[in-house]
Amino acid sequence: MKRVICTYCNTHIYTYTGPDDPVRFKAEYFIPTSPAYLRPQKGDRIKCPECGIEFVAFSNQLSTIQMLSDWPFQGTGMQEWKK
């Protein structure tokens, strides 16, 4: 099992229970960490149930899967730029 982290809002959103190598993005492998989070359904695009950002890539690390948003925000934990 691996923790699935949204790098946009730095929230632990799911627990991944699927195979490690390669990671398989099947809805059945993603267990929500909060009752408020809906489990993804087959065919859904994966997005963060906390902040709503849509993911474009992921990084499979030792104990986590880091979900990445668009390039300016990958791994930053920033919500948005203030003008």
Protein backbone atom coordinates (compact mmCIF):
# COMPACT_ATOMS: atom_id res chain seq x y z
CA MET A 1 0.00 0.00 0.00
CA LYS A 2 1.15 3.51 -0.80
CA ARG A 3 -0.07 6.93 0.19
CA VAL A 4 -1.30 9.04 -2.74
CA ILE A 5 -0.40 12.70 -2.26
CA CYS A 6 -1.69 15.71 -4.21
CA THR A 7 1.38 17.91 -4.67
CA TYR A 8 -0.82 20.93 -5.37
CA CYS A 9 -2.49 21.05 -1.93
CA ASN A 10 -0.14 18.61 -0.12
CA THR A 11 -3.01 16.37 0.98
CA HIS A 12 -2.98 12.58 1.46
CA ILE A 13 -6.04 11.81 -0.67
CA TYR A 14 -6.00 8.07 -1.35
CA THR A 15 -4.32 4.84 -0.35
CA TYR A 16 -3.16 2.91 -3.40
CA THR A 17 -3.52 -0.88 -3.08
CA GLY A 18 -2.56 -1.98 -6.60
CA PRO A 19 0.66 -3.35 -8.06
CA ASP A 20 3.88 -1.44 -7.56
CA ASP A 21 5.66 -1.97 -10.84
CA PRO A 22 4.01 -0.71 -12.93
CA VAL A 23 1.47 1.43 -11.08
CA ARG A 24 -1.98 0.81 -12.56
CA PHE A 25 -4.55 3.57 -12.49
CA LYS A 26 -7.68 1.51 -11.91
CA ALA A 27 -10.42 2.98 -9.74
CA GLU A 28 -10.55 -0.16 -7.59
CA TYR A 29 -6.96 0.44 -6.38
CA PHE A 30 -7.67 3.90 -4.90
CA ILE A 31 -9.19 3.94 -1.41
CA PRO A 32 -10.23 7.44 -0.21
CA THR A 33 -8.62 8.62 3.04
CA SER A 34 -11.70 10.61 4.09
CA PRO A 35 -15.41 9.78 4.02
CA ALA A 36 -15.90 13.12 2.25
CA TYR A 37 -13.82 11.94 -0.74
CA LEU A 38 -15.61 9.94 -3.40
CA ARG A 39 -13.92 6.87 -4.77
CA PRO A 40 -13.04 7.29 -8.45
CA GLN A 41 -15.27 5.41 -10.87
CA LYS A 42 -14.11 3.48 -13.93
CA GLY A 43 -13.40 5.95 -16.74
CA ASP A 44 -13.11 9.01 -14.46
CA ARG A 45 -10.21 11.38 -14.92
CA ILE A 46 -8.18 11.38 -11.74
CA LYS A 47 -8.33 14.67 -9.89
CA CYS A 48 -7.86 15.74 -6.29
CA PRO A 49 -11.02 15.39 -4.20
CA GLU A 50 -9.69 18.09 -1.83
CA CYS A 51 -8.70 20.95 -4.15
CA GLY A 52 -10.13 19.77 -7.50
CA ILE A 53 -6.89 20.04 -9.50
CA GLU A 54 -6.64 17.60 -12.41
CA PHE A 55 -3.45 15.55 -12.48
CA VAL A 56 -1.23 15.32 -15.55
CA ALA A 57 1.49 12.98 -14.27
CA PHE A 58 2.69 11.08 -11.24
CA SER A 59 5.92 10.17 -9.50
CA ASN A 60 6.16 6.67 -8.00
CA GLN A 61 8.37 6.97 -4.93
CA LEU A 62 9.23 4.46 -2.19
CA SER A 63 6.19 4.88 0.05
CA THR A 64 4.09 7.38 -1.89
CA ILE A 65 2.65 8.19 -5.26
CA GLN A 66 3.03 11.93 -5.85
CA MET A 67 0.27 13.23 -8.13
CA LEU A 68 1.45 16.16 -10.24
CA SER A 69 -0.63 18.97 -11.68
CA ASP A 70 0.51 21.31 -14.46
CA TRP A 71 4.19 22.18 -14.77
CA PRO A 72 4.29 25.47 -12.80
CA PHE A 73 2.95 23.71 -9.72
CA GLN A 74 4.57 20.25 -9.79
CA GLY A 75 5.67 19.48 -6.27
CA THR A 76 5.39 23.06 -4.99
CA GLY A 77 2.35 22.81 -2.75
CA MET A 78 1.30 26.27 -3.94
CA GLN A 79 -2.38 27.06 -4.21
CA GLU A 80 -2.10 29.92 -6.70
CA TRP A 81 0.04 32.91 -7.47
CA LYS A 82 -1.07 36.14 -5.82
CA LYS A 83 -1.12 39.18 -8.09
